[in-house]
Amino acid sequence: MLSFDPRKNEKNIKKHGLALADAHLFDFEGSIDEVQFEEGEERIKALGEWDRQFVAVVVYVQREGQHIISARRAERKEILTYVRAKSGA
């Protein structure tokens, strides 16, 4: 189950133009993941595709499932990392 904070959802829409409520559109199965530790939590930064655009999302895992913290368009460097990983280069 993918959860999110409704207030954070509104902030994310204003800042990045992506609704956390629509995170089901993100291709988690095909994403490239990087584990990070921030604010005492293990977080996963995932690079992948969301409605035909490259996106970076940050989630952390809870007992109930994944909780999405943010979603934004991927930066050029992140897109190159994703494309290289997918092409095997």
N, C-alpha and C. Protein backbone atom coordinates (compact mmCIF):
# COMPACT_ATOMS: atom_id res chain seq x y z
N MET A 1 0.84 -1.18 0.00
CA MET A 1 0.00 0.00 0.00
C MET A 1 0.88 1.24 0.00
N LEU A 2 0.57 2.20 -0.83
CA LEU A 2 1.32 3.44 -0.95
C LEU A 2 0.52 4.56 -0.29
N SER A 3 1.11 5.17 0.75
CA SER A 3 0.41 6.24 1.46
C SER A 3 1.16 7.55 1.29
N PHE A 4 0.52 8.65 1.68
CA PHE A 4 1.12 9.98 1.60
C PHE A 4 0.37 10.90 2.55
N ASP A 5 1.01 12.00 2.90
CA ASP A 5 0.41 13.03 3.74
C ASP A 5 -0.35 13.99 2.83
N PRO A 6 -1.65 14.20 3.04
CA PRO A 6 -2.43 15.09 2.17
C PRO A 6 -1.89 16.52 2.11
N ARG A 7 -1.35 17.02 3.22
CA ARG A 7 -0.76 18.37 3.21
C ARG A 7 0.50 18.40 2.36
N LYS A 8 1.30 17.35 2.48
CA LYS A 8 2.52 17.24 1.68
C LYS A 8 2.16 17.10 0.19
N ASN A 9 1.05 16.43 -0.09
CA ASN A 9 0.57 16.28 -1.45
C ASN A 9 0.32 17.64 -2.08
N GLU A 10 -0.38 18.52 -1.35
CA GLU A 10 -0.68 19.86 -1.86
C GLU A 10 0.60 20.66 -2.09
N LYS A 11 1.54 20.57 -1.15
CA LYS A 11 2.82 21.27 -1.30
C LYS A 11 3.59 20.76 -2.51
N ASN A 12 3.56 19.44 -2.71
CA ASN A 12 4.27 18.85 -3.84
C ASN A 12 3.67 19.27 -5.17
N ILE A 13 2.36 19.38 -5.22
CA ILE A 13 1.69 19.84 -6.45
C ILE A 13 2.14 21.26 -6.78
N LYS A 14 2.13 22.13 -5.77
CA LYS A 14 2.53 23.53 -5.99
C LYS A 14 3.99 23.66 -6.39
N LYS A 15 4.85 22.88 -5.73
CA LYS A 15 6.29 23.01 -5.96
C LYS A 15 6.76 22.28 -7.23
N HIS A 16 6.23 21.06 -7.47
CA HIS A 16 6.74 20.21 -8.55
C HIS A 16 5.73 19.86 -9.63
N GLY A 17 4.46 20.19 -9.41
CA GLY A 17 3.44 19.89 -10.41
C GLY A 17 3.03 18.43 -10.48
N LEU A 18 3.41 17.65 -9.47
CA LEU A 18 3.05 16.22 -9.42
C LEU A 18 2.32 15.93 -8.13
N ALA A 19 1.20 15.23 -8.23
CA ALA A 19 0.41 14.87 -7.06
C ALA A 19 0.89 13.54 -6.50
N LEU A 20 1.21 13.53 -5.22
CA LEU A 20 1.60 12.27 -4.57
C LEU A 20 0.46 11.26 -4.66
N ALA A 21 -0.76 11.77 -4.72
CA ALA A 21 -1.93 10.90 -4.84
C ALA A 21 -1.93 10.11 -6.15
N ASP A 22 -1.15 10.58 -7.13
CA ASP A 22 -1.07 9.89 -8.42
C ASP A 22 0.18 9.02 -8.54
N ALA A 23 0.84 8.76 -7.43
CA ALA A 23 2.09 7.99 -7.44
C ALA A 23 1.92 6.58 -8.00
N HIS A 24 0.68 6.08 -8.05
CA HIS A 24 0.46 4.76 -8.65
C HIS A 24 0.84 4.75 -10.13
N LEU A 25 1.00 5.94 -10.73
CA LEU A 25 1.42 6.04 -12.13
C LEU A 25 2.92 5.83 -12.31
N PHE A 26 3.67 5.90 -11.20
CA PHE A 26 5.11 5.71 -11.25
C PHE A 26 5.42 4.23 -11.43
N ASP A 27 6.37 3.94 -12.30
CA ASP A 27 6.77 2.55 -12.58
C ASP A 27 7.79 2.07 -11.55
N PHE A 28 7.32 1.69 -10.36
CA PHE A 28 8.22 1.22 -9.32
C PHE A 28 8.95 -0.05 -9.74
N GLU A 29 8.28 -0.91 -10.50
CA GLU A 29 8.90 -2.17 -10.93
C GLU A 29 10.12 -1.93 -11.81
N GLY A 30 10.08 -0.89 -12.62
CA GLY A 30 11.18 -0.61 -13.54
C GLY A 30 12.13 0.48 -13.06
N SER A 31 11.99 0.89 -11.82
CA SER A 31 12.79 2.02 -11.33
C SER A 31 14.20 1.59 -10.91
N ILE A 32 15.07 2.57 -10.83
CA ILE A 32 16.43 2.40 -10.32
C ILE A 32 16.41 3.00 -8.92
N ASP A 33 16.76 2.21 -7.92
CA ASP A 33 16.63 2.65 -6.52
C ASP A 33 17.98 2.89 -5.86
N GLU A 34 17.98 3.87 -4.98
CA GLU A 34 19.17 4.20 -4.18
C GLU A 34 18.72 4.38 -2.73
N VAL A 35 19.31 3.63 -1.82
CA VAL A 35 18.95 3.73 -0.41
C VAL A 35 19.72 4.90 0.21
N GLN A 36 19.00 5.73 0.95
CA GLN A 36 19.58 6.88 1.63
C GLN A 36 19.14 6.87 3.08
N PHE A 37 19.92 7.47 3.94
CA PHE A 37 19.54 7.62 5.35
C PHE A 37 19.43 9.11 5.62
N GLU A 38 18.23 9.53 6.05
CA GLU A 38 17.98 10.93 6.31
C GLU A 38 16.99 11.05 7.45
N GLU A 39 17.25 11.98 8.35
CA GLU A 39 16.37 12.21 9.49
C GLU A 39 16.09 10.93 10.27
N GLY A 40 17.12 10.07 10.39
CA GLY A 40 17.00 8.84 11.16
C GLY A 40 16.17 7.76 10.50
N GLU A 41 15.85 7.92 9.22
CA GLU A 41 15.04 6.92 8.51
C GLU A 41 15.78 6.41 7.29
N GLU A 42 15.47 5.19 6.93
CA GLU A 42 15.95 4.65 5.67
C GLU A 42 14.95 5.07 4.60
N ARG A 43 15.45 5.80 3.63
CA ARG A 43 14.59 6.27 2.53
C ARG A 43 15.10 5.69 1.22
N ILE A 44 14.21 5.55 0.29
CA ILE A 44 14.57 5.05 -1.03
C ILE A 44 14.28 6.14 -2.05
N LYS A 45 15.32 6.53 -2.77
CA LYS A 45 15.15 7.46 -3.89
C LYS A 45 15.05 6.59 -5.14
N ALA A 46 13.95 6.70 -5.82
CA ALA A 46 13.72 5.88 -7.00
C ALA A 46 13.65 6.77 -8.24
N LEU A 47 14.37 6.39 -9.27
CA LEU A 47 14.33 7.08 -10.56
C LEU A 47 13.57 6.19 -11.53
N GLY A 48 12.62 6.79 -12.23
CA GLY A 48 11.85 5.99 -13.16
C GLY A 48 10.91 6.84 -13.99
N GLU A 49 9.93 6.18 -14.56
CA GLU A 49 8.99 6.86 -15.45
C GLU A 49 7.62 6.98 -14.80
N TRP A 50 7.01 8.11 -15.08
CA TRP A 50 5.68 8.44 -14.55
C TRP A 50 4.96 9.17 -15.66
N ASP A 51 3.99 8.55 -16.24
CA ASP A 51 3.20 9.19 -17.30
C ASP A 51 4.10 9.77 -18.40
N ARG A 52 5.03 8.96 -18.89
CA ARG A 52 5.94 9.29 -19.99
C ARG A 52 6.92 10.43 -19.68
N GLN A 53 7.24 10.63 -18.42
CA GLN A 53 8.29 11.58 -18.07
C GLN A 53 9.19 10.94 -17.01
N PHE A 54 10.44 11.39 -16.96
CA PHE A 54 11.37 10.86 -15.97
C PHE A 54 11.16 11.60 -14.66
N VAL A 55 11.04 10.82 -13.57
CA VAL A 55 10.69 11.38 -12.27
C VAL A 55 11.56 10.74 -11.20
N ALA A 56 11.86 11.54 -10.16
CA ALA A 56 12.53 11.03 -8.96
C ALA A 56 11.51 11.07 -7.83
N VAL A 57 11.34 9.96 -7.14
CA VAL A 57 10.44 9.91 -5.99
C VAL A 57 11.24 9.45 -4.77
N VAL A 58 10.82 9.90 -3.60
CA VAL A 58 11.44 9.47 -2.36
C VAL A 58 10.35 8.82 -1.51
N VAL A 59 10.62 7.61 -1.05
CA VAL A 59 9.67 6.87 -0.22
C VAL A 59 10.41 6.29 0.98
N TYR A 60 9.67 5.98 2.02
CA TYR A 60 10.22 5.15 3.08
C TYR A 60 9.22 4.05 3.37
N VAL A 61 9.77 2.94 3.87
CA VAL A 61 8.95 1.75 4.08
C VAL A 61 8.47 1.71 5.52
N GLN A 62 7.17 1.52 5.68
CA GLN A 62 6.54 1.34 6.99
C GLN A 62 5.98 -0.07 7.04
N ARG A 63 5.49 -0.47 8.19
CA ARG A 63 4.85 -1.79 8.29
C ARG A 63 3.68 -1.91 7.33
N GLU A 64 2.96 -0.81 7.18
CA GLU A 64 1.76 -0.81 6.34
C GLU A 64 2.07 -0.75 4.85
N GLY A 65 3.32 -0.45 4.51
CA GLY A 65 3.68 -0.32 3.10
C GLY A 65 4.58 0.88 2.89
N GLN A 66 4.65 1.35 1.65
CA GLN A 66 5.51 2.48 1.32
C GLN A 66 4.77 3.80 1.53
N HIS A 67 5.51 4.80 2.04
CA HIS A 67 4.98 6.14 2.25
C HIS A 67 5.77 7.07 1.35
N ILE A 68 5.11 7.72 0.41
CA ILE A 68 5.80 8.60 -0.52
C ILE A 68 5.95 9.99 0.09
N ILE A 69 7.17 10.51 0.03
CA ILE A 69 7.50 11.80 0.63
C ILE A 69 7.51 12.90 -0.41
N SER A 70 8.08 12.61 -1.58
CA SER A 70 8.15 13.63 -2.63
C SER A 70 8.23 13.00 -4.00
N ALA A 71 7.87 13.79 -4.99
CA ALA A 71 7.96 13.40 -6.40
C ALA A 71 8.25 14.66 -7.20
N ARG A 72 9.24 14.56 -8.07
CA ARG A 72 9.61 15.71 -8.90
C ARG A 72 10.18 15.21 -10.21
N ARG A 73 10.22 16.09 -11.19
CA ARG A 73 10.83 15.73 -12.45
C ARG A 73 12.32 15.48 -12.20
N ALA A 74 12.83 14.46 -12.83
CA ALA A 74 14.24 14.11 -12.65
C ALA A 74 15.14 15.16 -13.28
N GLU A 75 16.29 15.38 -12.65
CA GLU A 75 17.30 16.28 -13.20
C GLU A 75 18.05 15.56 -14.31
N ARG A 76 18.73 16.32 -15.14
CA ARG A 76 19.45 15.75 -16.29
C ARG A 76 20.39 14.62 -15.86
N LYS A 77 21.15 14.83 -14.81
CA LYS A 77 22.10 13.82 -14.33
C LYS A 77 21.36 12.54 -13.93
N GLU A 78 20.21 12.68 -13.29
CA GLU A 78 19.42 11.51 -12.88
C GLU A 78 18.86 10.77 -14.09
N ILE A 79 18.45 11.51 -15.09
CA ILE A 79 17.94 10.88 -16.32
C ILE A 79 19.05 10.06 -16.98
N LEU A 80 20.24 10.64 -17.05
CA LEU A 80 21.38 9.92 -17.64
C LEU A 80 21.70 8.66 -16.84
N THR A 81 21.67 8.75 -15.53
CA THR A 81 21.91 7.58 -14.67
C THR A 81 20.88 6.49 -14.98
N TYR A 82 19.62 6.88 -15.07
CA TYR A 82 18.53 5.92 -15.34
C TYR A 82 18.72 5.27 -16.72
N VAL A 83 18.95 6.09 -17.73
CA VAL A 83 19.06 5.58 -19.10
C VAL A 83 20.27 4.65 -19.22
N ARG A 84 21.39 5.04 -18.62
CA ARG A 84 22.59 4.18 -18.68
C ARG A 84 22.33 2.84 -17.97
N ALA A 85 21.69 2.89 -16.82
CA ALA A 85 21.41 1.65 -16.09
C ALA A 85 20.47 0.73 -16.88
N LYS A 86 19.49 1.31 -17.52
CA LYS A 86 18.53 0.51 -18.28
C LYS A 86 19.13 -0.04 -19.57
N SER A 87 20.11 0.69 -20.14
CA SER A 87 20.71 0.22 -21.38
C SER A 87 21.88 -0.73 -21.14
N GLY A 88 22.26 -0.85 -19.86
CA GLY A 88 23.37 -1.74 -19.51
C GLY A 88 24.73 -1.12 -19.77
N ALA A 89 24.75 0.18 -20.03
CA ALA A 89 26.04 0.86 -20.32
C ALA A 89 26.81 1.18 -19.06
